Amino acid sequence: MKAGTRVGVPWLHRTCGVCEYCRSGRENLGNRPEFTGWTVNGGYADYLVAPVDFVYAIPDRFEDIAAAHLLCAGIIGFRCLRLANTSRGARLGLYGFGSAGLVAIQVARYWGVDVYVSTRDAKHGKLAMEFGAVRAGAADEQPPVQLDASIMFAPAGELAPPALKALKKAGRVILGGIHMSDIPSFSYDLLYQERVMRSVANNTRDDGREFLKIAAEIPIRTQTETFPMREANQALLKLKTDGIQGDAVLLADRYSTGTRGDQPKQ
């Protein structure tokens, strides 16, 4: 990567590169990972240091603020889609429609996948329809058709049995959250016929590179609300109370407040 390249720093800051997972292309499961803003400094900073092998060149068509959305929720949403393993004409369910869902639906539609959204928030349902969902219903409603796969972005374990119930044989439920409330017990009949439920942990660099390439091809539309660094606590409070549609982006001092990154450059 050349000096002066505009880059983004993702959640996965570094991996060891030598454990069995790193050596087998599963560095997202590495034994000694480091994460930006958690195990290493940089999540709330004007400046940070990151390994060049773990940063991504930002496609020219995205402004900085729009690209910020892609580097976290975007990448993890894309990994969920890859694990869902859908193809053109498939039916995909999305449970929850926050920032990751907003990216996932755009990639899924680009791949020719029909998307059925379940969400507790009417405004999120409306947004999903605007972005091409076939249907948007309440979180606890069964979709009108059987699904090939579903992704649960909502951290609500009680939605897992209904998600399984909505699947075709050999369907997959992908759990996209880092944390989730307890999944209640359910009848084995829901899992039988080779249905699969699996979690998603972090991402690989290949996920990020492939996603940013596709994001520029579509191009992905992002929705952001910006906050100066000094208002980080207010931003977190709005996130906690579901007061932000899209992603909250903290601005370093060199950015003016109030700017937005809703659209990619044309």
C-alpha atoms as a PDB file:
ATOM      1  CA  MET A   1       0.000   0.000   0.000  1.00  0.00           C
ATOM      2  CA  LYS A   2       1.467   3.339  -1.076  1.00  0.00           C
ATOM      3  CA  ALA A   3       2.150   6.227   1.295  1.00  0.00           C
ATOM      4  CA  GLY A   4      -0.721   8.704   1.243  1.00  0.00           C
ATOM      5  CA  THR A   5      -3.399   6.088   0.507  1.00  0.00           C
ATOM      6  CA  ARG A   6      -6.702   6.902   2.205  1.00  0.00           C
ATOM      7  CA  VAL A   7      -7.448   3.983   4.511  1.00  0.00           C
ATOM      8  CA  GLY A   8      -9.967   2.832   7.082  1.00  0.00           C
ATOM      9  CA  VAL A   9      -9.244   0.999  10.325  1.00  0.00           C
ATOM     10  CA  PRO A  10     -11.714  -1.802  11.107  1.00  0.00           C
ATOM     11  CA  TRP A  11     -12.723  -3.552  14.327  1.00  0.00           C
ATOM     12  CA  LEU A  12     -10.211  -6.369  13.775  1.00  0.00           C
ATOM     13  CA  HIS A  13      -6.960  -4.574  14.567  1.00  0.00           C
ATOM     14  CA  ARG A  14      -4.533  -7.492  14.310  1.00  0.00           C
ATOM     15  CA  THR A  15      -4.267 -11.280  14.605  1.00  0.00           C
ATOM     16  CA  CYS A  16      -1.337 -13.488  15.557  1.00  0.00           C
ATOM     17  CA  GLY A  17      -1.026 -15.113  12.135  1.00  0.00           C
ATOM     18  CA  VAL A  18       0.382 -18.364  13.516  1.00  0.00           C
ATOM     19  CA  CYS A  19      -2.433 -20.220  15.306  1.00  0.00           C
ATOM     20  CA  GLU A  20      -4.473 -22.956  13.614  1.00  0.00           C
ATOM     21  CA  TYR A  21      -7.292 -20.547  12.776  1.00  0.00           C
ATOM     22  CA  CYS A  22      -5.109 -17.855  11.235  1.00  0.00           C
ATOM     23  CA  ARG A  23      -3.210 -20.432   9.177  1.00  0.00           C
ATOM     24  CA  SER A  24      -6.418 -21.961   7.824  1.00  0.00           C
ATOM     25  CA  GLY A  25      -8.053 -18.751   6.597  1.00  0.00           C
ATOM     26  CA  ARG A  26     -10.161 -18.272   9.729  1.00  0.00           C
ATOM     27  CA  GLU A  27      -8.320 -15.358  11.292  1.00  0.00           C
ATOM     28  CA  ASN A  28     -11.624 -14.018  12.645  1.00  0.00           C
ATOM     29  CA  LEU A  29     -11.391 -16.868  15.181  1.00  0.00           C
ATOM     30  CA  GLY A  30      -7.695 -16.368  15.965  1.00  0.00           C
ATOM     31  CA  ASN A  31      -6.459 -17.182  19.459  1.00  0.00           C
ATOM     32  CA  ARG A  32      -4.768 -13.835  20.105  1.00  0.00           C
ATOM     33  CA  PRO A  33      -6.753 -11.133  18.329  1.00  0.00           C
ATOM     34  CA  GLU A  34      -6.673  -7.413  19.056  1.00  0.00           C
ATOM     35  CA  PHE A  35      -9.627  -5.111  18.475  1.00  0.00           C
ATOM     36  CA  THR A  36      -9.746  -1.381  17.781  1.00  0.00           C
ATOM     37  CA  GLY A  37     -11.105   0.591  20.699  1.00  0.00           C
ATOM     38  CA  TRP A  38     -11.316  -2.443  22.958  1.00  0.00           C
ATOM     39  CA  THR A  39      -7.956  -4.145  23.421  1.00  0.00           C
ATOM     40  CA  VAL A  40      -5.987  -1.394  21.642  1.00  0.00           C
ATOM     41  CA  ASN A  41      -6.470   2.369  21.648  1.00  0.00           C
ATOM     42  CA  GLY A  42      -8.190   4.114  18.784  1.00  0.00           C
ATOM     43  CA  GLY A  43     -11.957   3.878  19.143  1.00  0.00           C
ATOM     44  CA  TYR A  44     -12.334   7.394  20.525  1.00  0.00           C
ATOM     45  CA  ALA A  45      -9.311   9.192  19.155  1.00  0.00           C
ATOM     46  CA  ASP A  46      -8.281  11.883  16.709  1.00  0.00           C
ATOM     47  CA  TYR A  47      -5.178   9.870  15.788  1.00  0.00           C
ATOM     48  CA  LEU A  48      -4.264   6.203  15.999  1.00  0.00           C
ATOM     49  CA  VAL A  49      -1.681   3.689  14.828  1.00  0.00           C
ATOM     50  CA  ALA A  50      -2.714   0.519  12.983  1.00  0.00           C
ATOM     51  CA  PRO A  51      -0.838  -2.293  11.180  1.00  0.00           C
ATOM     52  CA  VAL A  52      -0.761  -1.627   7.451  1.00  0.00           C
ATOM     53  CA  ASP A  53      -1.720  -5.239   6.701  1.00  0.00           C
ATOM     54  CA  PHE A  54      -5.005  -4.799   8.591  1.00  0.00           C
ATOM     55  CA  VAL A  55      -6.312  -1.541   7.133  1.00  0.00           C
ATOM     56  CA  TYR A  56      -8.393  -1.138   3.980  1.00  0.00           C
ATOM     57  CA  ALA A  57      -7.973   1.262   1.092  1.00  0.00           C
ATOM     58  CA  ILE A  58     -11.203   3.267   0.841  1.00  0.00           C
ATOM     59  CA  PRO A  59     -12.826   3.323  -2.627  1.00  0.00           C
ATOM     60  CA  ASP A  60     -12.682   6.808  -4.134  1.00  0.00           C
ATOM     61  CA  ARG A  61     -16.446   7.060  -4.566  1.00  0.00           C
ATOM     62  CA  PHE A  62     -17.042   7.152  -0.781  1.00  0.00           C
ATOM     63  CA  GLU A  63     -16.508  10.212   1.367  1.00  0.00           C
ATOM     64  CA  ASP A  64     -14.818   9.621   4.724  1.00  0.00           C
ATOM     65  CA  ILE A  65     -18.002   9.811   6.788  1.00  0.00           C
ATOM     66  CA  ALA A  66     -19.931   7.466   4.510  1.00  0.00           C
ATOM     67  CA  ALA A  67     -17.040   4.999   4.563  1.00  0.00           C
ATOM     68  CA  ALA A  68     -17.065   4.872   8.371  1.00  0.00           C
ATOM     69  CA  HIS A  69     -20.399   3.060   8.238  1.00  0.00           C
ATOM     70  CA  LEU A  70     -18.955   0.407   5.945  1.00  0.00           C
ATOM     71  CA  LEU A  71     -16.010  -0.536   8.129  1.00  0.00           C
ATOM     72  CA  CYS A  72     -17.981  -1.982  11.046  1.00  0.00           C
ATOM     73  CA  ALA A  73     -21.648  -2.773  10.506  1.00  0.00           C
ATOM     74  CA  GLY A  74     -21.071  -3.078   6.772  1.00  0.00           C
ATOM     75  CA  ILE A  75     -18.340  -5.688   6.985  1.00  0.00           C
ATOM     76  CA  ILE A  76     -20.081  -7.815   9.620  1.00  0.00           C
ATOM     77  CA  GLY A  77     -23.338  -7.666   7.669  1.00  0.00           C
ATOM     78  CA  PHE A  78     -21.472  -8.837   4.593  1.00  0.00           C
ATOM     79  CA  ARG A  79     -19.907 -11.753   6.463  1.00  0.00           C
ATOM     80  CA  CYS A  80     -23.377 -12.781   7.625  1.00  0.00           C
ATOM     81  CA  LEU A  81     -24.528 -12.753   4.013  1.00  0.00           C
ATOM     82  CA  ARG A  82     -21.614 -14.926   2.940  1.00  0.00           C
ATOM     83  CA  LEU A  83     -22.430 -17.481   5.627  1.00  0.00           C
ATOM     84  CA  ALA A  84     -26.113 -17.403   4.670  1.00  0.00           C
ATOM     85  CA  ASN A  85     -24.929 -18.676   1.279  1.00  0.00           C
ATOM     86  CA  THR A  86     -27.861 -17.466  -0.767  1.00  0.00           C
ATOM     87  CA  SER A  87     -27.971 -17.135  -4.544  1.00  0.00           C
ATOM     88  CA  ARG A  88     -30.082 -15.307  -7.125  1.00  0.00           C
ATOM     89  CA  GLY A  89     -33.769 -15.950  -6.577  1.00  0.00           C
ATOM     90  CA  ALA A  90     -33.348 -17.104  -2.973  1.00  0.00           C
ATOM     91  CA  ARG A  91     -35.505 -15.798  -0.133  1.00  0.00           C
ATOM     92  CA  LEU A  92     -33.645 -14.220   2.770  1.00  0.00           C
ATOM     93  CA  GLY A  93     -35.076 -13.070   6.091  1.00  0.00           C
ATOM     94  CA  LEU A  94     -33.575 -10.217   8.111  1.00  0.00           C
ATOM     95  CA  TYR A  95     -34.549  -9.984  11.778  1.00  0.00           C
ATOM     96  CA  GLY A  96     -33.800  -6.451  12.913  1.00  0.00           C
ATOM     97  CA  PHE A  97     -33.043  -3.633  10.510  1.00  0.00           C
ATOM     98  CA  GLY A  98     -30.374  -1.347  11.917  1.00  0.00           C
ATOM     99  CA  SER A  99     -27.120  -0.263  10.320  1.00  0.00           C
ATOM    100  CA  ALA A 100     -25.949  -3.783   9.391  1.00  0.00           C
ATOM    101  CA  GLY A 101     -29.338  -4.639   7.925  1.00  0.00           C
ATOM    102  CA  LEU A 102     -29.310  -1.489   5.800  1.00  0.00           C
ATOM    103  CA  VAL A 103     -26.087  -2.615   4.152  1.00  0.00           C
ATOM    104  CA  ALA A 104     -27.066  -6.287   3.940  1.00  0.00           C
ATOM    105  CA  ILE A 105     -30.290  -5.596   2.069  1.00  0.00           C
ATOM    106  CA  GLN A 106     -28.457  -3.575  -0.575  1.00  0.00           C
ATOM    107  CA  VAL A 107     -25.923  -6.334  -1.209  1.00  0.00           C
ATOM    108  CA  ALA A 108     -28.627  -9.014  -1.186  1.00  0.00           C
ATOM    109  CA  ARG A 109     -30.735  -7.133  -3.717  1.00  0.00           C
ATOM    110  CA  TYR A 110     -27.617  -6.578  -5.860  1.00  0.00           C
ATOM    111  CA  TRP A 111     -27.200 -10.373  -5.869  1.00  0.00           C
ATOM    112  CA  GLY A 112     -30.827 -10.869  -6.904  1.00  0.00           C
ATOM    113  CA  VAL A 113     -32.007 -12.179  -3.525  1.00  0.00           C
ATOM    114  CA  ASP A 114     -35.558 -11.461  -2.276  1.00  0.00           C
ATOM    115  CA  VAL A 115     -35.518  -9.994   1.234  1.00  0.00           C
ATOM    116  CA  TYR A 116     -38.178 -10.294   3.946  1.00  0.00           C
ATOM    117  CA  VAL A 117     -37.625  -8.024   6.948  1.00  0.00           C
ATOM    118  CA  SER A 118     -38.955  -8.529  10.468  1.00  0.00           C
ATOM    119  CA  THR A 119     -38.572  -5.558  12.793  1.00  0.00           C
ATOM    120  CA  ARG A 120     -40.267  -4.162  15.886  1.00  0.00           C
ATOM    121  CA  ASP A 121     -39.929  -0.595  14.617  1.00  0.00           C
ATOM    122  CA  ALA A 122     -42.380   0.703  12.010  1.00  0.00           C
ATOM    123  CA  LYS A 123     -39.945   3.325  10.723  1.00  0.00           C
ATOM    124  CA  HIS A 124     -37.313   0.639  10.145  1.00  0.00           C
ATOM    125  CA  GLY A 125     -39.899  -1.415   8.281  1.00  0.00           C
ATOM    126  CA  LYS A 126     -40.705   1.554   6.075  1.00  0.00           C
ATOM    127  CA  LEU A 127     -37.015   2.068   5.369  1.00  0.00           C
ATOM    128  CA  ALA A 128     -36.608  -1.600   4.477  1.00  0.00           C
ATOM    129  CA  MET A 129     -39.377  -1.323   1.885  1.00  0.00           C
ATOM    130  CA  GLU A 130     -37.713   1.755   0.422  1.00  0.00           C
ATOM    131  CA  PHE A 131     -34.526  -0.270  -0.004  1.00  0.00           C
ATOM    132  CA  GLY A 132     -36.227  -3.103  -1.842  1.00  0.00           C
ATOM    133  CA  ALA A 133     -37.654  -5.520   0.728  1.00  0.00           C
ATOM    134  CA  VAL A 134     -40.468  -7.726  -0.571  1.00  0.00           C
ATOM    135  CA  ARG A 135     -42.164  -7.444   2.799  1.00  0.00           C
ATOM    136  CA  ALA A 136     -41.564  -5.820   6.171  1.00  0.00           C
ATOM    137  CA  GLY A 137     -43.535  -7.100   9.146  1.00  0.00           C
ATOM    138  CA  ALA A 138     -43.466  -7.243  12.921  1.00  0.00           C
ATOM    139  CA  ALA A 139     -40.591  -9.085  14.559  1.00  0.00           C
ATOM    140  CA  ASP A 140     -42.782 -11.929  15.801  1.00  0.00           C
ATOM    141  CA  GLU A 141     -44.762 -12.407  12.570  1.00  0.00           C
ATOM    142  CA  GLN A 142     -44.042 -15.350  10.305  1.00  0.00           C
ATOM    143  CA  PRO A 143     -43.175 -14.393   6.713  1.00  0.00           C
ATOM    144  CA  PRO A 144     -45.722 -15.428   4.060  1.00  0.00           C
ATOM    145  CA  VAL A 145     -43.245 -17.831   2.387  1.00  0.00           C
ATOM    146  CA  GLN A 146     -40.616 -20.301   3.541  1.00  0.00           C
ATOM    147  CA  LEU A 147     -37.117 -18.841   3.561  1.00  0.00           C
ATOM    148  CA  ASP A 148     -33.817 -20.241   2.336  1.00  0.00           C
ATOM    149  CA  ALA A 149     -31.892 -18.419   5.057  1.00  0.00           C
ATOM    150  CA  SER A 150     -32.253 -15.714   7.685  1.00  0.00           C
ATOM    151  CA  ILE A 151     -29.883 -13.362   9.452  1.00  0.00           C
ATOM    152  CA  MET A 152     -30.640 -12.243  12.982  1.00  0.00           C
ATOM    153  CA  PHE A 153     -29.191  -8.790  13.600  1.00  0.00           C
ATOM    154  CA  ALA A 154     -31.560  -8.210  16.519  1.00  0.00           C
ATOM    155  CA  PRO A 155     -29.893  -9.435  19.763  1.00  0.00           C
ATOM    156  CA  ALA A 156     -33.156 -11.043  20.858  1.00  0.00           C
ATOM    157  CA  GLY A 157     -32.733 -14.760  21.515  1.00  0.00           C
ATOM    158  CA  GLU A 158     -36.489 -15.305  21.634  1.00  0.00           C
ATOM    159  CA  LEU A 159     -36.612 -14.705  17.865  1.00  0.00           C
ATOM    160  CA  ALA A 160     -34.404 -17.710  17.105  1.00  0.00           C
ATOM    161  CA  PRO A 161     -37.182 -20.368  17.262  1.00  0.00           C
ATOM    162  CA  PRO A 162     -39.528 -18.364  14.994  1.00  0.00           C
ATOM    163  CA  ALA A 163     -36.623 -17.828  12.600  1.00  0.00           C
ATOM    164  CA  LEU A 164     -36.017 -21.575  12.445  1.00  0.00           C
ATOM    165  CA  LYS A 165     -39.723 -22.220  11.954  1.00  0.00           C
ATOM    166  CA  ALA A 166     -39.752 -19.979   8.872  1.00  0.00           C
ATOM    167  CA  LEU A 167     -36.979 -21.920   7.094  1.00  0.00           C
ATOM    168  CA  LYS A 168     -37.127 -24.432   4.292  1.00  0.00           C
ATOM    169  CA  LYS A 169     -35.383 -27.761   4.746  1.00  0.00           C
ATOM    170  CA  ALA A 170     -31.596 -27.285   4.959  1.00  0.00           C
ATOM    171  CA  GLY A 171     -32.116 -23.572   5.639  1.00  0.00           C
ATOM    172  CA  ARG A 172     -29.725 -21.506   7.726  1.00  0.00           C
ATOM    173  CA  VAL A 173     -30.188 -19.009  10.546  1.00  0.00           C
ATOM    174  CA  ILE A 174     -27.137 -16.771  10.943  1.00  0.00           C
ATOM    175  CA  LEU A 175     -26.752 -15.037  14.302  1.00  0.00           C
ATOM    176  CA  GLY A 176     -25.049 -11.729  13.585  1.00  0.00           C
ATOM    177  CA  GLY A 177     -24.755 -10.224  17.064  1.00  0.00           C
ATOM    178  CA  ILE A 178     -21.796 -10.186  19.442  1.00  0.00           C
ATOM    179  CA  HIS A 179     -24.196 -10.466  22.379  1.00  0.00           C
ATOM    180  CA  MET A 180     -27.688 -11.933  22.488  1.00  0.00           C
ATOM    181  CA  SER A 181     -30.288 -12.642  25.119  1.00  0.00           C
ATOM    182  CA  ASP A 182     -30.853 -16.296  25.989  1.00  0.00           C
ATOM    183  CA  ILE A 183     -32.297 -18.491  23.272  1.00  0.00           C
ATOM    184  CA  PRO A 184     -35.277 -20.390  24.748  1.00  0.00           C
ATOM    185  CA  SER A 185     -35.579 -24.147  24.409  1.00  0.00           C
ATOM    186  CA  PHE A 186     -37.418 -25.353  21.330  1.00  0.00           C
ATOM    187  CA  SER A 187     -38.582 -28.569  19.744  1.00  0.00           C
ATOM    188  CA  TYR A 188     -36.011 -30.533  17.785  1.00  0.00           C
ATOM    189  CA  ASP A 189     -38.499 -30.528  14.913  1.00  0.00           C
ATOM    190  CA  LEU A 190     -37.506 -26.924  14.193  1.00  0.00           C
ATOM    191  CA  LEU A 191     -33.881 -27.934  13.650  1.00  0.00           C
ATOM    192  CA  TYR A 192     -34.521 -31.260  11.950  1.00  0.00           C
ATOM    193  CA  GLN A 193     -34.247 -31.687   8.165  1.00  0.00           C
ATOM    194  CA  GLU A 194     -30.674 -30.376   8.225  1.00  0.00           C
ATOM    195  CA  ARG A 195     -31.500 -26.838   9.234  1.00  0.00           C
ATOM    196  CA  VAL A 196     -28.509 -24.961  10.650  1.00  0.00           C
ATOM    197  CA  MET A 197     -28.043 -22.241  13.253  1.00  0.00           C
ATOM    198  CA  ARG A 198     -24.602 -20.645  13.522  1.00  0.00           C
ATOM    199  CA  SER A 199     -23.042 -17.569  15.051  1.00  0.00           C
ATOM    200  CA  VAL A 200     -20.778 -15.005  13.407  1.00  0.00           C
ATOM    201  CA  ALA A 201     -17.591 -13.820  15.075  1.00  0.00           C
ATOM    202  CA  ASN A 202     -15.680 -10.804  13.792  1.00  0.00           C
ATOM    203  CA  ASN A 203     -14.480 -10.842  10.173  1.00  0.00           C
ATOM    204  CA  THR A 204     -11.531 -11.744   8.028  1.00  0.00           C
ATOM    205  CA  ARG A 205      -9.578  -9.333   5.884  1.00  0.00           C
ATOM    206  CA  ASP A 206     -10.926 -11.107   2.807  1.00  0.00           C
ATOM    207  CA  ASP A 207     -14.438 -10.207   3.978  1.00  0.00           C
ATOM    208  CA  GLY A 208     -13.472  -6.556   4.164  1.00  0.00           C
ATOM    209  CA  ARG A 209     -11.697  -6.408   0.814  1.00  0.00           C
ATOM    210  CA  GLU A 210     -14.485  -8.177  -1.066  1.00  0.00           C
ATOM    211  CA  PHE A 211     -17.169  -6.123   0.628  1.00  0.00           C
ATOM    212  CA  LEU A 212     -15.579  -2.748  -0.164  1.00  0.00           C
ATOM    213  CA  LYS A 213     -15.198  -3.771  -3.805  1.00  0.00           C
ATOM    214  CA  ILE A 214     -18.881  -4.730  -4.024  1.00  0.00           C
ATOM    215  CA  ALA A 215     -19.939  -1.667  -2.017  1.00  0.00           C
ATOM    216  CA  ALA A 216     -18.320   0.571  -4.642  1.00  0.00           C
ATOM    217  CA  GLU A 217     -19.901  -1.366  -7.504  1.00  0.00           C
ATOM    218  CA  ILE A 218     -23.467  -1.044  -6.173  1.00  0.00           C
ATOM    219  CA  PRO A 219     -22.772   1.674  -4.781  1.00  0.00           C
ATOM    220  CA  ILE A 220     -23.905   1.240  -1.184  1.00  0.00           C
ATOM    221  CA  ARG A 221     -25.951   4.099   0.247  1.00  0.00           C
ATOM    222  CA  THR A 222     -25.196   4.849   3.867  1.00  0.00           C
ATOM    223  CA  GLN A 223     -27.079   6.778   6.535  1.00  0.00           C
ATOM    224  CA  THR A 224     -25.115   8.502   9.251  1.00  0.00           C
ATOM    225  CA  GLU A 225     -25.590  10.968  12.057  1.00  0.00           C
ATOM    226  CA  THR A 226     -22.438  12.793  13.084  1.00  0.00           C
ATOM    227  CA  PHE A 227     -21.298  13.953  16.504  1.00  0.00           C
ATOM    228  CA  PRO A 228     -18.203  15.881  17.588  1.00  0.00           C
ATOM    229  CA  MET A 229     -15.900  13.794  19.749  1.00  0.00           C
ATOM    230  CA  ARG A 230     -16.915  15.727  22.871  1.00  0.00           C
ATOM    231  CA  GLU A 231     -20.495  14.450  22.425  1.00  0.00           C
ATOM    232  CA  ALA A 232     -19.562  10.754  22.375  1.00  0.00           C
ATOM    233  CA  ASN A 233     -21.657  10.052  25.477  1.00  0.00           C
ATOM    234  CA  GLN A 234     -24.735  11.643  23.915  1.00  0.00           C
ATOM    235  CA  ALA A 235     -24.212   9.537  20.786  1.00  0.00           C
ATOM    236  CA  LEU A 236     -24.021   6.354  22.874  1.00  0.00           C
ATOM    237  CA  LEU A 237     -27.200   7.311  24.710  1.00  0.00           C
ATOM    238  CA  LYS A 238     -29.059   7.827  21.421  1.00  0.00           C
ATOM    239  CA  LEU A 239     -27.828   4.447  20.223  1.00  0.00           C
ATOM    240  CA  LYS A 240     -29.033   2.806  23.427  1.00  0.00           C
ATOM    241  CA  THR A 241     -32.497   4.289  23.034  1.00  0.00           C
ATOM    242  CA  ASP A 242     -32.716   3.491  19.305  1.00  0.00           C
ATOM    243  CA  GLY A 243     -32.591   7.171  18.472  1.00  0.00           C
ATOM    244  CA  ILE A 244     -30.336   6.893  15.425  1.00  0.00           C
ATOM    245  CA  GLN A 245     -31.340   5.598  12.008  1.00  0.00           C
ATOM    246  CA  GLY A 246     -28.179   4.246  10.462  1.00  0.00           C
ATOM    247  CA  ASP A 247     -24.784   4.758  12.096  1.00  0.00           C
ATOM    248  CA  ALA A 248     -23.455   7.294  14.568  1.00  0.00           C
ATOM    249  CA  VAL A 249     -20.089   8.704  13.484  1.00  0.00           C
ATOM    250  CA  LEU A 250     -17.762  10.580  15.832  1.00  0.00           C
ATOM    251  CA  LEU A 251     -15.901  13.415  14.136  1.00  0.00           C
ATOM    252  CA  ALA A 252     -12.265  14.170  14.759  1.00  0.00           C
ATOM    253  CA  ASP A 253     -11.506  17.856  15.305  1.00  0.00           C
ATOM    254  CA  ARG A 254     -10.577  18.462  11.658  1.00  0.00           C
ATOM    255  CA  TYR A 255     -14.147  17.761  10.539  1.00  0.00           C
ATOM    256  CA  SER A 256     -16.876  20.349  10.879  1.00  0.00           C
ATOM    257  CA  THR A 257     -19.877  19.266  12.963  1.00  0.00           C
ATOM    258  CA  GLY A 258     -23.217  18.576  11.402  1.00  0.00           C
ATOM    259  CA  THR A 259     -21.921  17.180   8.122  1.00  0.00           C
ATOM    260  CA  ARG A 260     -23.452  14.011   6.770  1.00  0.00           C
ATOM    261  CA  GLY A 261     -22.375  11.063   4.628  1.00  0.00           C
ATOM    262  CA  ASP A 262     -25.713   9.858   3.307  1.00  0.00           C
ATOM    263  CA  GLN A 263     -24.686   9.332  -0.301  1.00  0.00           C
ATOM    264  CA  PRO A 264     -21.604   8.065  -2.110  1.00  0.00           C
ATOM    265  CA  LYS A 265     -19.922  10.343  -4.588  1.00  0.00           C
ATOM    266  CA  GLN A 266     -21.355   9.976  -8.087  1.00  0.00           C
END
